[in-house]
């Protein structure tokens, strides 16, 4: 998917897996993969920002918990879909089975 070095430098890396827009995110020691489109209005979350374990949508300012995917209070949308990641010494890999279940 991407190298750990690239993710450390960028913090948010965009990818496409099985035709789905995916983000790989590093916030401190936490590395997660999630859908790229905001579940509220489909804004590109790669243009958002990270703060205190949350990914903030650039369009409507709601935020998503990186551990659970839960949206901040008051927003009528489902949680952010997250996908399993596997780390090795140099690279980060995404569990494609969890993405395939959405197709």
Protein backbone atom coordinates (compact mmCIF):
# COMPACT_ATOMS: atom_id res chain seq x y z
CA UNK A 1 0.00 0.00 0.00
CA UNK A 2 2.59 2.55 1.11
CA UNK A 3 5.85 2.78 2.95
CA UNK A 4 6.04 3.68 6.61
CA UNK A 5 8.54 6.39 5.67
CA UNK A 6 6.10 8.04 3.24
CA UNK A 7 3.26 7.93 5.75
CA UNK A 8 5.43 9.43 8.50
CA UNK A 9 6.27 12.34 6.19
CA UNK A 10 2.73 12.96 4.87
CA UNK A 11 0.47 11.71 7.72
CA UNK A 12 -2.38 11.12 5.21
CA UNK A 13 -1.78 9.01 2.09
CA UNK A 14 -4.43 8.45 -0.61
CA UNK A 15 -4.86 5.12 -2.35
CA UNK A 16 -7.35 3.11 -4.35
CA UNK A 17 -8.09 -0.49 -3.42
CA UNK A 18 -10.63 -2.56 -5.36
CA UNK A 19 -11.92 0.67 -6.91
CA UNK A 20 -12.52 2.33 -3.51
CA UNK A 21 -10.87 5.55 -2.39
CA UNK A 22 -8.92 4.79 0.79
CA UNK A 23 -6.85 6.87 3.19
CA UNK A 24 -3.97 5.58 5.26
CA UNK A 25 -3.51 7.86 8.25
CA UNK A 26 -0.84 8.20 10.92
CA UNK A 27 -1.74 10.15 14.04
CA UNK A 28 1.06 9.79 16.58
CA UNK A 29 1.70 6.05 16.96
CA UNK A 30 -1.72 5.13 15.54
CA UNK A 31 -2.00 3.96 11.92
CA UNK A 32 -5.45 3.39 10.42
CA UNK A 33 -7.05 2.96 7.01
CA UNK A 34 -10.48 4.37 6.25
CA UNK A 35 -12.75 5.39 3.42
CA UNK A 36 -11.73 8.58 1.63
CA UNK A 37 -15.23 10.05 1.11
CA UNK A 38 -17.02 11.57 4.09
CA UNK A 39 -20.17 9.54 4.84
CA UNK A 40 -22.14 12.77 5.35
CA UNK A 41 -21.73 14.62 2.03
CA UNK A 42 -18.94 12.68 0.29
CA UNK A 43 -16.29 15.40 0.83
CA UNK A 44 -12.69 14.34 0.20
CA UNK A 45 -11.35 13.60 3.68
CA UNK A 46 -7.76 13.71 2.40
CA UNK A 47 -8.19 17.49 2.49
CA UNK A 48 -9.18 17.40 6.15
CA UNK A 49 -6.88 17.65 9.13
CA UNK A 50 -5.90 15.51 12.09
CA UNK A 51 -6.23 16.61 15.69
CA UNK A 52 -6.37 14.67 18.97
CA UNK A 53 -7.13 11.31 17.38
CA UNK A 54 -9.81 12.71 15.07
CA UNK A 55 -10.05 13.28 11.32
CA UNK A 56 -11.86 16.57 10.59
CA UNK A 57 -13.93 16.90 7.42
CA UNK A 58 -12.88 19.90 5.30
CA UNK A 59 -16.45 20.52 4.12
CA UNK A 60 -18.71 20.60 7.16
CA UNK A 61 -16.25 20.44 10.08
CA UNK A 62 -17.61 17.27 11.65
CA UNK A 63 -14.88 14.94 12.86
CA UNK A 64 -14.43 11.19 13.06
CA UNK A 65 -12.76 9.22 15.85
CA UNK A 66 -9.86 7.29 14.32
CA UNK A 67 -10.26 4.41 16.81
CA UNK A 68 -14.00 3.82 16.33
CA UNK A 69 -15.05 5.78 13.24
CA UNK A 70 -17.76 7.54 15.27
CA UNK A 71 -18.82 10.99 14.06
CA UNK A 72 -18.85 14.00 16.37
CA UNK A 73 -22.21 14.69 18.07
CA UNK A 74 -24.96 16.38 16.07
CA UNK A 75 -24.17 14.99 12.61
CA UNK A 76 -26.73 12.64 11.03
CA UNK A 77 -24.48 10.14 9.32
CA UNK A 78 -23.07 6.68 9.80
CA UNK A 79 -19.61 6.14 11.28
CA UNK A 80 -16.54 6.33 9.05
CA UNK A 81 -15.66 2.91 7.63
CA UNK A 82 -12.26 1.72 8.77
CA UNK A 83 -10.21 -1.15 7.38
CA UNK A 84 -7.66 -3.45 8.92
CA UNK A 85 -3.99 -2.70 8.41
CA UNK A 86 -0.90 -4.87 8.71
CA UNK A 87 2.52 -3.40 9.34
CA UNK A 88 5.90 -4.88 8.56
CA UNK A 89 9.34 -3.33 9.02
CA UNK A 90 9.02 -0.98 6.02
CA UNK A 91 5.47 -1.07 4.64
CA UNK A 92 1.80 -0.75 5.51
CA UNK A 93 -0.74 -3.14 3.97
CA UNK A 94 -4.55 -2.91 3.94
CA UNK A 95 -6.85 -5.89 4.54
CA UNK A 96 -8.58 -6.12 1.15
CA UNK A 97 -11.13 -8.64 2.48
CA UNK A 98 -12.74 -5.93 4.62
CA UNK A 99 -13.02 -3.69 1.56
CA UNK A 100 -14.34 -6.47 -0.68
CA UNK A 101 -17.23 -7.00 1.75
CA UNK A 102 -18.50 -3.49 0.82
CA UNK A 103 -18.63 -4.21 -2.93
